[in-house]
Amino acid sequence: MGIELRISLSLIMACVCTGSVFGNMLVFVSLVKERPLPNPAVEMIFRHLSLANLVLAGIGEPLVVVSLAAGKWVWGESMRFFEAFWVTTFGLFSMMILGLISFEQYSRFVKQQQLKTHQVAVLLSGIYFLAFFFGIAPLVGWCEYGPEGYGVSNSLMWNNLNDNNASYIICAMIVGYFFPLIIIMFCYRAIYRLVQAQLNTSVVKMTVSANVTSLSTNRNHIMLVQERQLASTITFVILSFFFAWTPYVFVNIINMFSTLVLKYRILATIPALFAKSSTLWWIIVYCLMDVRIKKACRKTCLRFKRSFRVWYFS
């Protein structure tokens, strides 16, 4: 890798890392302190999503940034395995939690059954278990971790396709990528049909003449609009994750059956770095599209600013 490309990529990843750490921390604190979302189940899911991306960006990405600047992995073999374990675990967690978000939206909009917080807690526990199970498995012999691309980041040994590695990779891709994708497609197909069916009814309600029930009708419409805005926001959050991770998945599928990626190592490096940037894209989409979280983040910043002034001038 040329020094110009190396330095450029390291600067870009440093910006992504910084934005991801501060952005996810801001969203997490805002969700805990301000509680801007009316649905506690959705709020719990997003708290865990922001926390997972925070620890991924705050611990895993700085290792890659420094190695990119140096042009090689500089942290030793133990940290190589740790970085691969960390990225694999929380990468799988982020993808699986998107399926949970979609299922929650499906239950609320289509089935008219809002998930309780204890139900979400049980589902989150299952997702954590699966993510850590697949993260730990290569450390105990099921598949193996190693360098990818130019060796500045680490992942599964995709190109070493023996029976042991192949069985793990197939299971991990089904559980962590294709199964959530199927859930998301099914749930949002049903939600889209429901929204289309209710569109005309919603328009009629807006034209109801002023009477005793008009205020209640308008309030219901406002709530419906807010729910649809939240659904749109969640849709774009999910798309941002798949936009970041899909090139990485397909490049590694090619890597399993072809030597093309080994010849051109940049093909493995760029998608891997782009996948790590998912910790930033979802924050940008979420804060731009959801007015409530934007206001909550602004309040958190103002509170921090006041606290800093009090501390500094005291």
C-alpha atoms as a PDB file:
ATOM      1  CA  MET A   1       0.000   0.000   0.000  1.00  0.00           C
ATOM      2  CA  GLY A   2       1.436   3.383  -1.041  1.00  0.00           C
ATOM      3  CA  ILE A   3       2.231   5.876   1.678  1.00  0.00           C
ATOM      4  CA  GLU A   4      -0.224   8.479   0.269  1.00  0.00           C
ATOM      5  CA  LEU A   5      -3.104   6.003   0.305  1.00  0.00           C
ATOM      6  CA  ARG A   6      -2.083   4.727   3.716  1.00  0.00           C
ATOM      7  CA  ILE A   7      -1.984   8.168   5.304  1.00  0.00           C
ATOM      8  CA  SER A   8      -5.254   9.175   3.601  1.00  0.00           C
ATOM      9  CA  LEU A   9      -7.049   6.067   4.860  1.00  0.00           C
ATOM     10  CA  SER A  10      -5.646   6.501   8.363  1.00  0.00           C
ATOM     11  CA  LEU A  11      -6.858  10.122   8.502  1.00  0.00           C
ATOM     12  CA  ILE A  12     -10.307   9.128   7.223  1.00  0.00           C
ATOM     13  CA  MET A  13     -10.567   6.303   9.754  1.00  0.00           C
ATOM     14  CA  ALA A  14      -9.362   8.617  12.531  1.00  0.00           C
ATOM     15  CA  CYS A  15     -12.216  11.002  11.682  1.00  0.00           C
ATOM     16  CA  VAL A  16     -14.679   8.089  11.555  1.00  0.00           C
ATOM     17  CA  CYS A  17     -13.402   6.781  14.896  1.00  0.00           C
ATOM     18  CA  THR A  18     -13.634  10.191  16.575  1.00  0.00           C
ATOM     19  CA  GLY A  19     -17.107  10.892  15.183  1.00  0.00           C
ATOM     20  CA  SER A  20     -18.307   7.405  16.135  1.00  0.00           C
ATOM     21  CA  VAL A  21     -17.065   7.602  19.725  1.00  0.00           C
ATOM     22  CA  PHE A  22     -18.468  11.054  20.463  1.00  0.00           C
ATOM     23  CA  GLY A  23     -21.644  10.512  18.404  1.00  0.00           C
ATOM     24  CA  ASN A  24     -22.567   7.182  19.981  1.00  0.00           C
ATOM     25  CA  MET A  25     -21.684   8.467  23.442  1.00  0.00           C
ATOM     26  CA  LEU A  26     -23.890  11.517  22.896  1.00  0.00           C
ATOM     27  CA  VAL A  27     -26.836   9.431  21.665  1.00  0.00           C
ATOM     28  CA  PHE A  28     -26.449   6.894  24.485  1.00  0.00           C
ATOM     29  CA  VAL A  29     -26.342   9.565  27.195  1.00  0.00           C
ATOM     30  CA  SER A  30     -29.267  11.418  25.580  1.00  0.00           C
ATOM     31  CA  LEU A  31     -31.389   8.259  25.469  1.00  0.00           C
ATOM     32  CA  VAL A  32     -30.619   7.506  29.125  1.00  0.00           C
ATOM     33  CA  LYS A  33     -31.006  11.043  30.512  1.00  0.00           C
ATOM     34  CA  GLU A  34     -33.658  12.645  28.293  1.00  0.00           C
ATOM     35  CA  ARG A  35     -35.727   9.594  27.283  1.00  0.00           C
ATOM     36  CA  PRO A  36     -36.942  11.301  24.083  1.00  0.00           C
ATOM     37  CA  LEU A  37     -38.771   8.315  22.577  1.00  0.00           C
ATOM     38  CA  PRO A  38     -42.304   7.511  23.766  1.00  0.00           C
ATOM     39  CA  ASN A  39     -41.797   3.792  23.234  1.00  0.00           C
ATOM     40  CA  PRO A  40     -39.593   2.300  26.013  1.00  0.00           C
ATOM     41  CA  ALA A  41     -38.938  -0.889  24.011  1.00  0.00           C
ATOM     42  CA  VAL A  42     -37.506   1.026  21.048  1.00  0.00           C
ATOM     43  CA  GLU A  43     -35.519   3.227  23.410  1.00  0.00           C
ATOM     44  CA  MET A  44     -33.971   0.182  25.088  1.00  0.00           C
ATOM     45  CA  ILE A  45     -32.976  -1.314  21.748  1.00  0.00           C
ATOM     46  CA  PHE A  46     -31.364   1.909  20.560  1.00  0.00           C
ATOM     47  CA  ARG A  47     -29.498   2.294  23.853  1.00  0.00           C
ATOM     48  CA  HIS A  48     -27.904  -1.101  23.358  1.00  0.00           C
ATOM     49  CA  LEU A  49     -27.198  -0.385  19.690  1.00  0.00           C
ATOM     50  CA  SER A  50     -25.434   2.891  20.530  1.00  0.00           C
ATOM     51  CA  LEU A  51     -23.528   1.243  23.392  1.00  0.00           C
ATOM     52  CA  ALA A  52     -22.365  -1.622  21.155  1.00  0.00           C
ATOM     53  CA  ASN A  53     -21.170   0.799  18.486  1.00  0.00           C
ATOM     54  CA  LEU A  54     -19.488   2.940  21.146  1.00  0.00           C
ATOM     55  CA  VAL A  55     -17.368   0.082  22.483  1.00  0.00           C
ATOM     56  CA  LEU A  56     -16.643  -1.102  18.932  1.00  0.00           C
ATOM     57  CA  ALA A  57     -15.477   2.344  17.834  1.00  0.00           C
ATOM     58  CA  GLY A  58     -13.723   3.218  21.082  1.00  0.00           C
ATOM     59  CA  ILE A  59     -11.701   0.013  21.455  1.00  0.00           C
ATOM     60  CA  GLY A  60     -11.405  -1.659  18.042  1.00  0.00           C
ATOM     61  CA  GLU A  61     -11.065   1.215  15.589  1.00  0.00           C
ATOM     62  CA  PRO A  62      -8.108   3.053  17.239  1.00  0.00           C
ATOM     63  CA  LEU A  63      -6.010  -0.104  16.834  1.00  0.00           C
ATOM     64  CA  VAL A  64      -6.714  -0.081  13.094  1.00  0.00           C
ATOM     65  CA  VAL A  65      -6.060   3.670  12.744  1.00  0.00           C
ATOM     66  CA  VAL A  66      -2.563   3.387  14.254  1.00  0.00           C
ATOM     67  CA  SER A  67      -1.751   0.277  12.205  1.00  0.00           C
ATOM     68  CA  LEU A  68      -2.916   2.018   9.021  1.00  0.00           C
ATOM     69  CA  ALA A  69      -0.579   4.932   9.719  1.00  0.00           C
ATOM     70  CA  ALA A  70       2.305   2.525  10.360  1.00  0.00           C
ATOM     71  CA  GLY A  71       1.517   0.345   7.334  1.00  0.00           C
ATOM     72  CA  LYS A  72       1.444  -2.861   9.394  1.00  0.00           C
ATOM     73  CA  TRP A  73      -0.102  -4.384  12.483  1.00  0.00           C
ATOM     74  CA  VAL A  74       1.875  -2.997  15.409  1.00  0.00           C
ATOM     75  CA  TRP A  75       0.019  -4.435  18.415  1.00  0.00           C
ATOM     76  CA  GLY A  76       1.269  -8.029  18.522  1.00  0.00           C
ATOM     77  CA  GLU A  77      -0.471 -11.347  17.941  1.00  0.00           C
ATOM     78  CA  SER A  78      -2.578 -11.320  21.108  1.00  0.00           C
ATOM     79  CA  MET A  79      -4.106  -7.964  20.205  1.00  0.00           C
ATOM     80  CA  ARG A  80      -4.637  -9.227  16.643  1.00  0.00           C
ATOM     81  CA  PHE A  81      -6.916 -11.948  17.981  1.00  0.00           C
ATOM     82  CA  PHE A  82      -8.577  -9.504  20.373  1.00  0.00           C
ATOM     83  CA  GLU A  83      -9.352  -6.978  17.609  1.00  0.00           C
ATOM     84  CA  ALA A  84     -10.777  -9.706  15.383  1.00  0.00           C
ATOM     85  CA  PHE A  85     -12.877 -11.046  18.266  1.00  0.00           C
ATOM     86  CA  TRP A  86     -14.122  -7.556  19.179  1.00  0.00           C
ATOM     87  CA  VAL A  87     -15.121  -6.603  15.628  1.00  0.00           C
ATOM     88  CA  THR A  88     -16.719  -9.989  14.913  1.00  0.00           C
ATOM     89  CA  THR A  89     -18.720 -10.012  18.156  1.00  0.00           C
ATOM     90  CA  PHE A  90     -20.105  -6.493  18.005  1.00  0.00           C
ATOM     91  CA  GLY A  91     -20.447  -6.530  14.226  1.00  0.00           C
ATOM     92  CA  LEU A  92     -22.699  -9.592  14.504  1.00  0.00           C
ATOM     93  CA  PHE A  93     -24.533  -7.991  17.427  1.00  0.00           C
ATOM     94  CA  SER A  94     -25.257  -4.840  15.413  1.00  0.00           C
ATOM     95  CA  MET A  95     -26.607  -6.809  12.482  1.00  0.00           C
ATOM     96  CA  MET A  96     -28.791  -9.057  14.626  1.00  0.00           C
ATOM     97  CA  ILE A  97     -30.214  -6.153  16.614  1.00  0.00           C
ATOM     98  CA  LEU A  98     -31.445  -4.662  13.324  1.00  0.00           C
ATOM     99  CA  GLY A  99     -33.635  -7.739  12.964  1.00  0.00           C
ATOM    100  CA  LEU A 100     -34.972  -7.125  16.477  1.00  0.00           C
ATOM    101  CA  ILE A 101     -35.775  -3.492  15.621  1.00  0.00           C
ATOM    102  CA  SER A 102     -37.676  -4.630  12.533  1.00  0.00           C
ATOM    103  CA  PHE A 103     -39.576  -7.255  14.503  1.00  0.00           C
ATOM    104  CA  GLU A 104     -40.559  -4.639  17.102  1.00  0.00           C
ATOM    105  CA  GLN A 105     -41.858  -2.362  14.340  1.00  0.00           C
ATOM    106  CA  TYR A 106     -43.772  -5.278  12.786  1.00  0.00           C
ATOM    107  CA  SER A 107     -45.364  -6.198  16.134  1.00  0.00           C
ATOM    108  CA  ARG A 108     -46.424  -2.610  16.830  1.00  0.00           C
ATOM    109  CA  PHE A 109     -47.694  -1.605  13.392  1.00  0.00           C
ATOM    110  CA  VAL A 110     -49.007  -4.837  11.872  1.00  0.00           C
ATOM    111  CA  LYS A 111     -49.946  -7.001  14.874  1.00  0.00           C
ATOM    112  CA  GLN A 112     -50.921  -4.030  17.082  1.00  0.00           C
ATOM    113  CA  GLN A 113     -49.007  -5.670  19.949  1.00  0.00           C
ATOM    114  CA  GLN A 114     -46.325  -3.517  21.507  1.00  0.00           C
ATOM    115  CA  LEU A 115     -43.384  -5.487  22.903  1.00  0.00           C
ATOM    116  CA  LYS A 116     -42.847  -5.132  26.640  1.00  0.00           C
ATOM    117  CA  THR A 117     -39.468  -4.086  27.999  1.00  0.00           C
ATOM    118  CA  HIS A 118     -38.917  -7.471  29.668  1.00  0.00           C
ATOM    119  CA  GLN A 119     -39.580  -9.217  26.342  1.00  0.00           C
ATOM    120  CA  VAL A 120     -37.053  -6.955  24.624  1.00  0.00           C
ATOM    121  CA  ALA A 121     -34.574  -7.643  27.447  1.00  0.00           C
ATOM    122  CA  VAL A 122     -34.907 -11.407  26.889  1.00  0.00           C
ATOM    123  CA  LEU A 123     -34.421 -11.018  23.119  1.00  0.00           C
ATOM    124  CA  LEU A 124     -31.396  -8.737  23.667  1.00  0.00           C
ATOM    125  CA  SER A 125     -29.894 -11.326  26.020  1.00  0.00           C
ATOM    126  CA  GLY A 126     -30.257 -13.957  23.301  1.00  0.00           C
ATOM    127  CA  ILE A 127     -28.573 -11.659  20.774  1.00  0.00           C
ATOM    128  CA  TYR A 128     -25.691 -10.978  23.173  1.00  0.00           C
ATOM    129  CA  PHE A 129     -25.289 -14.721  23.738  1.00  0.00           C
ATOM    130  CA  LEU A 130     -25.180 -15.508  20.022  1.00  0.00           C
ATOM    131  CA  ALA A 131     -22.777 -12.636  19.277  1.00  0.00           C
ATOM    132  CA  PHE A 132     -20.319 -13.663  22.004  1.00  0.00           C
ATOM    133  CA  PHE A 133     -20.686 -17.343  21.098  1.00  0.00           C
ATOM    134  CA  PHE A 134     -19.644 -16.706  17.495  1.00  0.00           C
ATOM    135  CA  GLY A 135     -16.961 -14.252  18.659  1.00  0.00           C
ATOM    136  CA  ILE A 136     -15.363 -16.717  21.073  1.00  0.00           C
ATOM    137  CA  ALA A 137     -15.695 -19.818  18.854  1.00  0.00           C
ATOM    138  CA  PRO A 138     -12.613 -19.054  16.650  1.00  0.00           C
ATOM    139  CA  LEU A 139     -10.519 -18.584  19.813  1.00  0.00           C
ATOM    140  CA  VAL A 140     -11.276 -22.155  20.902  1.00  0.00           C
ATOM    141  CA  GLY A 141     -10.782 -23.910  17.579  1.00  0.00           C
ATOM    142  CA  TRP A 142     -13.936 -23.463  15.494  1.00  0.00           C
ATOM    143  CA  CYS A 143     -12.515 -21.434  12.593  1.00  0.00           C
ATOM    144  CA  GLU A 144      -9.590 -19.047  13.200  1.00  0.00           C
ATOM    145  CA  TYR A 145      -8.742 -15.360  13.207  1.00  0.00           C
ATOM    146  CA  GLY A 146      -6.018 -13.750  11.140  1.00  0.00           C
ATOM    147  CA  PRO A 147      -4.986 -10.674   9.142  1.00  0.00           C
ATOM    148  CA  GLU A 148      -7.040  -9.425   6.221  1.00  0.00           C
ATOM    149  CA  GLY A 149      -5.957  -7.386   3.222  1.00  0.00           C
ATOM    150  CA  TYR A 150      -2.725  -5.528   3.984  1.00  0.00           C
ATOM    151  CA  GLY A 151      -2.705  -6.835   7.548  1.00  0.00           C
ATOM    152  CA  VAL A 152      -3.772  -3.601   9.246  1.00  0.00           C
ATOM    153  CA  SER A 153      -7.051  -5.138  10.419  1.00  0.00           C
ATOM    154  CA  ASN A 154      -8.142  -8.646  11.336  1.00  0.00           C
ATOM    155  CA  SER A 155     -11.036 -10.971  10.784  1.00  0.00           C
ATOM    156  CA  LEU A 156     -11.852 -14.583  10.017  1.00  0.00           C
ATOM    157  CA  MET A 157      -9.558 -16.574   7.754  1.00  0.00           C
ATOM    158  CA  TRP A 158     -11.987 -16.469   4.848  1.00  0.00           C
ATOM    159  CA  ASN A 159      -9.539 -17.820   2.275  1.00  0.00           C
ATOM    160  CA  ASN A 160      -8.572 -20.908   4.321  1.00  0.00           C
ATOM    161  CA  LEU A 161     -11.655 -22.896   3.407  1.00  0.00           C
ATOM    162  CA  ASN A 162     -11.287 -26.229   5.207  1.00  0.00           C
ATOM    163  CA  ASP A 163     -14.298 -28.041   6.667  1.00  0.00           C
ATOM    164  CA  ASN A 164     -13.837 -26.493  10.113  1.00  0.00           C
ATOM    165  CA  ASN A 165     -13.652 -22.903   8.844  1.00  0.00           C
ATOM    166  CA  ALA A 166     -16.372 -23.378   6.232  1.00  0.00           C
ATOM    167  CA  SER A 167     -18.904 -24.702   8.767  1.00  0.00           C
ATOM    168  CA  TYR A 168     -18.311 -21.714  11.054  1.00  0.00           C
ATOM    169  CA  ILE A 169     -18.448 -19.128   8.265  1.00  0.00           C
ATOM    170  CA  ILE A 170     -21.695 -20.566   6.881  1.00  0.00           C
ATOM    171  CA  CYS A 171     -23.335 -20.599  10.335  1.00  0.00           C
ATOM    172  CA  ALA A 172     -22.104 -17.099  11.222  1.00  0.00           C
ATOM    173  CA  MET A 173     -23.277 -15.613   7.917  1.00  0.00           C
ATOM    174  CA  ILE A 174     -26.710 -17.231   8.222  1.00  0.00           C
ATOM    175  CA  VAL A 175     -27.219 -16.152  11.844  1.00  0.00           C
ATOM    176  CA  GLY A 176     -25.542 -12.748  11.631  1.00  0.00           C
ATOM    177  CA  TYR A 177     -26.406 -11.533   8.139  1.00  0.00           C
ATOM    178  CA  PHE A 178     -28.921 -13.492   6.058  1.00  0.00           C
ATOM    179  CA  PHE A 179     -31.393 -14.349   8.849  1.00  0.00           C
ATOM    180  CA  PRO A 180     -31.672 -10.711  10.030  1.00  0.00           C
ATOM    181  CA  LEU A 181     -31.970  -9.677   6.373  1.00  0.00           C
ATOM    182  CA  ILE A 182     -34.889 -12.080   5.835  1.00  0.00           C
ATOM    183  CA  ILE A 183     -36.605 -10.808   9.009  1.00  0.00           C
ATOM    184  CA  ILE A 184     -36.131  -7.192   7.922  1.00  0.00           C
ATOM    185  CA  MET A 185     -37.478  -7.834   4.418  1.00  0.00           C
ATOM    186  CA  PHE A 186     -40.518  -9.731   5.719  1.00  0.00           C
ATOM    187  CA  CYS A 187     -41.358  -7.187   8.428  1.00  0.00           C
ATOM    188  CA  TYR A 188     -40.989  -4.091   6.277  1.00  0.00           C
ATOM    189  CA  ARG A 189     -42.887  -5.642   3.396  1.00  0.00           C
ATOM    190  CA  ALA A 190     -45.828  -6.131   5.791  1.00  0.00           C
ATOM    191  CA  ILE A 191     -45.423  -2.604   7.218  1.00  0.00           C
ATOM    192  CA  TYR A 192     -45.312  -1.095   3.725  1.00  0.00           C
ATOM    193  CA  ARG A 193     -48.536  -2.860   2.764  1.00  0.00           C
ATOM    194  CA  LEU A 194     -50.220  -1.642   5.944  1.00  0.00           C
ATOM    195  CA  VAL A 195     -49.112   1.965   5.389  1.00  0.00           C
ATOM    196  CA  GLN A 196     -50.384   1.887   1.810  1.00  0.00           C
ATOM    197  CA  ALA A 197     -53.722   0.490   2.952  1.00  0.00           C
ATOM    198  CA  GLN A 198     -54.117   3.184   5.626  1.00  0.00           C
ATOM    199  CA  LEU A 199     -53.022   6.078   3.425  1.00  0.00           C
ATOM    200  CA  ASN A 200     -56.466   6.938   2.079  1.00  0.00           C
ATOM    201  CA  THR A 201     -58.052   6.564   5.511  1.00  0.00           C
ATOM    202  CA  SER A 202     -55.487   8.956   6.977  1.00  0.00           C
ATOM    203  CA  VAL A 203     -56.214  11.545   4.253  1.00  0.00           C
ATOM    204  CA  VAL A 204     -59.949  11.327   4.930  1.00  0.00           C
ATOM    205  CA  LYS A 205     -59.381  11.930   8.645  1.00  0.00           C
ATOM    206  CA  MET A 206     -57.443  15.096   7.889  1.00  0.00           C
ATOM    207  CA  THR A 207     -60.451  16.513   6.017  1.00  0.00           C
ATOM    208  CA  VAL A 208     -62.993  15.897   8.759  1.00  0.00           C
ATOM    209  CA  SER A 209     -64.879  19.095   9.530  1.00  0.00           C
ATOM    210  CA  ALA A 210     -64.475  20.776  12.895  1.00  0.00           C
ATOM    211  CA  ASN A 211     -66.701  19.148  15.478  1.00  0.00           C
ATOM    212  CA  VAL A 212     -66.571  17.686  18.942  1.00  0.00           C
ATOM    213  CA  THR A 213     -64.244  14.856  17.919  1.00  0.00           C
ATOM    214  CA  SER A 214     -61.949  16.867  15.605  1.00  0.00           C
ATOM    215  CA  LEU A 215     -59.352  17.557  18.314  1.00  0.00           C
ATOM    216  CA  SER A 216     -59.085  13.885  19.163  1.00  0.00           C
ATOM    217  CA  THR A 217     -58.852  13.039  15.468  1.00  0.00           C
ATOM    218  CA  ASN A 218     -56.019  15.510  14.943  1.00  0.00           C
ATOM    219  CA  ARG A 219     -54.163  14.190  17.960  1.00  0.00           C
ATOM    220  CA  ASN A 220     -54.453  10.646  16.664  1.00  0.00           C
ATOM    221  CA  HIS A 221     -53.209  11.807  13.296  1.00  0.00           C
ATOM    222  CA  ILE A 222     -50.218  13.550  14.900  1.00  0.00           C
ATOM    223  CA  MET A 223     -49.359  10.346  16.778  1.00  0.00           C
ATOM    224  CA  LEU A 224     -49.685   8.376  13.544  1.00  0.00           C
ATOM    225  CA  VAL A 225     -47.381  10.803  11.734  1.00  0.00           C
ATOM    226  CA  GLN A 226     -44.800  10.541  14.539  1.00  0.00           C
ATOM    227  CA  GLU A 227     -44.898   6.750  14.418  1.00  0.00           C
ATOM    228  CA  ARG A 228     -44.421   6.802  10.642  1.00  0.00           C
ATOM    229  CA  GLN A 229     -41.523   9.227  10.992  1.00  0.00           C
ATOM    230  CA  LEU A 230     -39.903   6.876  13.508  1.00  0.00           C
ATOM    231  CA  ALA A 231     -40.482   3.952  11.135  1.00  0.00           C
ATOM    232  CA  SER A 232     -38.838   5.923   8.293  1.00  0.00           C
ATOM    233  CA  THR A 233     -35.885   6.782  10.524  1.00  0.00           C
ATOM    234  CA  ILE A 234     -35.417   3.156  11.555  1.00  0.00           C
ATOM    235  CA  THR A 235     -35.633   2.085   7.903  1.00  0.00           C
ATOM    236  CA  PHE A 236     -32.783   4.406   6.933  1.00  0.00           C
ATOM    237  CA  VAL A 237     -30.741   3.345   9.982  1.00  0.00           C
ATOM    238  CA  ILE A 238     -31.053  -0.276   8.856  1.00  0.00           C
ATOM    239  CA  LEU A 239     -30.155   0.648   5.278  1.00  0.00           C
ATOM    240  CA  SER A 240     -27.050   2.493   6.507  1.00  0.00           C
ATOM    241  CA  PHE A 241     -25.792  -0.643   8.265  1.00  0.00           C
ATOM    242  CA  PHE A 242     -26.399  -2.892   5.274  1.00  0.00           C
ATOM    243  CA  PHE A 243     -24.871  -0.268   2.985  1.00  0.00           C
ATOM    244  CA  ALA A 244     -21.688  -0.440   5.072  1.00  0.00           C
ATOM    245  CA  TRP A 245     -21.523  -4.207   5.665  1.00  0.00           C
ATOM    246  CA  THR A 246     -22.791  -5.721   2.409  1.00  0.00           C
ATOM    247  CA  PRO A 247     -19.615  -5.002   0.316  1.00  0.00           C
ATOM    248  CA  TYR A 248     -17.529  -6.619   3.057  1.00  0.00           C
ATOM    249  CA  VAL A 249     -19.722  -9.727   3.117  1.00  0.00           C
ATOM    250  CA  PHE A 250     -19.717 -10.212  -0.652  1.00  0.00           C
ATOM    251  CA  VAL A 251     -15.978  -9.576  -1.010  1.00  0.00           C
ATOM    252  CA  ASN A 252     -15.320 -12.261   1.575  1.00  0.00           C
ATOM    253  CA  ILE A 253     -17.699 -14.676  -0.151  1.00  0.00           C
ATOM    254  CA  ILE A 254     -15.589 -14.150  -3.281  1.00  0.00           C
ATOM    255  CA  ASN A 255     -12.470 -14.617  -1.138  1.00  0.00           C
ATOM    256  CA  MET A 256     -13.734 -18.048  -0.070  1.00  0.00           C
ATOM    257  CA  PHE A 257     -13.787 -19.381  -3.628  1.00  0.00           C
ATOM    258  CA  SER A 258     -11.246 -17.253  -5.522  1.00  0.00           C
ATOM    259  CA  THR A 259      -7.665 -15.993  -5.192  1.00  0.00           C
ATOM    260  CA  LEU A 260      -8.606 -12.600  -6.669  1.00  0.00           C
ATOM    261  CA  VAL A 261      -8.733 -10.920  -3.259  1.00  0.00           C
ATOM    262  CA  LEU A 262      -5.337 -12.392  -2.324  1.00  0.00           C
ATOM    263  CA  LYS A 263      -3.803 -10.924  -5.480  1.00  0.00           C
ATOM    264  CA  TYR A 264      -5.374  -7.501  -4.961  1.00  0.00           C
ATOM    265  CA  ARG A 265      -5.316  -7.026  -1.200  1.00  0.00           C
ATOM    266  CA  ILE A 266      -6.873  -3.594  -1.489  1.00  0.00           C
ATOM    267  CA  LEU A 267     -10.139  -5.438  -2.305  1.00  0.00           C
ATOM    268  CA  ALA A 268     -10.129  -6.858   1.216  1.00  0.00           C
ATOM    269  CA  THR A 269      -8.862  -3.745   2.996  1.00  0.00           C
ATOM    270  CA  ILE A 270     -11.259  -1.079   1.688  1.00  0.00           C
ATOM    271  CA  PRO A 271     -14.543  -3.012   2.341  1.00  0.00           C
ATOM    272  CA  ALA A 272     -13.281  -3.948   5.835  1.00  0.00           C
ATOM    273  CA  LEU A 273     -12.587  -0.314   6.680  1.00  0.00           C
ATOM    274  CA  PHE A 274     -15.898   0.767   5.142  1.00  0.00           C
ATOM    275  CA  ALA A 275     -17.771  -1.791   7.271  1.00  0.00           C
ATOM    276  CA  LYS A 276     -16.189  -0.316  10.407  1.00  0.00           C
ATOM    277  CA  SER A 277     -17.585   3.086   9.422  1.00  0.00           C
ATOM    278  CA  SER A 278     -21.131   1.797  10.052  1.00  0.00           C
ATOM    279  CA  THR A 279     -20.657   2.984  13.649  1.00  0.00           C
ATOM    280  CA  LEU A 280     -20.767   6.563  12.298  1.00  0.00           C
ATOM    281  CA  TRP A 281     -23.330   6.383   9.464  1.00  0.00           C
ATOM    282  CA  TRP A 282     -26.209   5.285  11.651  1.00  0.00           C
ATOM    283  CA  ILE A 283     -25.584   8.166  14.066  1.00  0.00           C
ATOM    284  CA  ILE A 284     -25.664  10.686  11.211  1.00  0.00           C
ATOM    285  CA  VAL A 285     -28.877   9.223   9.784  1.00  0.00           C
ATOM    286  CA  TYR A 286     -30.551   8.935  13.201  1.00  0.00           C
ATOM    287  CA  CYS A 287     -29.750  12.486  14.326  1.00  0.00           C
ATOM    288  CA  LEU A 288     -30.675  14.047  10.975  1.00  0.00           C
ATOM    289  CA  MET A 289     -34.018  12.283  10.597  1.00  0.00           C
ATOM    290  CA  ASP A 290     -35.366  12.088  14.151  1.00  0.00           C
ATOM    291  CA  VAL A 291     -36.246  15.523  15.570  1.00  0.00           C
ATOM    292  CA  ARG A 292     -36.726  14.144  19.080  1.00  0.00           C
ATOM    293  CA  ILE A 293     -33.269  12.612  19.350  1.00  0.00           C
ATOM    294  CA  LYS A 294     -31.803  15.757  17.799  1.00  0.00           C
ATOM    295  CA  LYS A 295     -33.424  17.894  20.514  1.00  0.00           C
ATOM    296  CA  ALA A 296     -32.324  15.442  23.209  1.00  0.00           C
ATOM    297  CA  CYS A 297     -28.723  15.544  21.956  1.00  0.00           C
ATOM    298  CA  ARG A 298     -28.839  19.347  21.932  1.00  0.00           C
ATOM    299  CA  LYS A 299     -30.053  19.374  25.546  1.00  0.00           C
ATOM    300  CA  THR A 300     -27.286  16.959  26.539  1.00  0.00           C
ATOM    301  CA  CYS A 301     -24.662  19.182  24.901  1.00  0.00           C
ATOM    302  CA  LEU A 302     -26.015  22.274  26.680  1.00  0.00           C
ATOM    303  CA  ARG A 303     -26.019  20.438  30.004  1.00  0.00           C
ATOM    304  CA  PHE A 304     -22.441  19.308  29.467  1.00  0.00           C
ATOM    305  CA  LYS A 305     -21.434  22.829  28.472  1.00  0.00           C
ATOM    306  CA  ARG A 306     -22.944  24.283  31.669  1.00  0.00           C
ATOM    307  CA  SER A 307     -21.306  21.594  33.809  1.00  0.00           C
ATOM    308  CA  PHE A 308     -17.943  22.236  32.165  1.00  0.00           C
ATOM    309  CA  ARG A 309     -18.234  25.981  32.808  1.00  0.00           C
ATOM    310  CA  VAL A 310     -19.099  25.407  36.449  1.00  0.00           C
ATOM    311  CA  TRP A 311     -16.165  23.013  36.850  1.00  0.00           C
ATOM    312  CA  TYR A 312     -13.690  25.216  34.956  1.00  0.00           C
ATOM    313  CA  PHE A 313     -14.530  28.503  36.669  1.00  0.00           C
ATOM    314  CA  SER A 314     -15.093  27.131  40.166  1.00  0.00           C
END
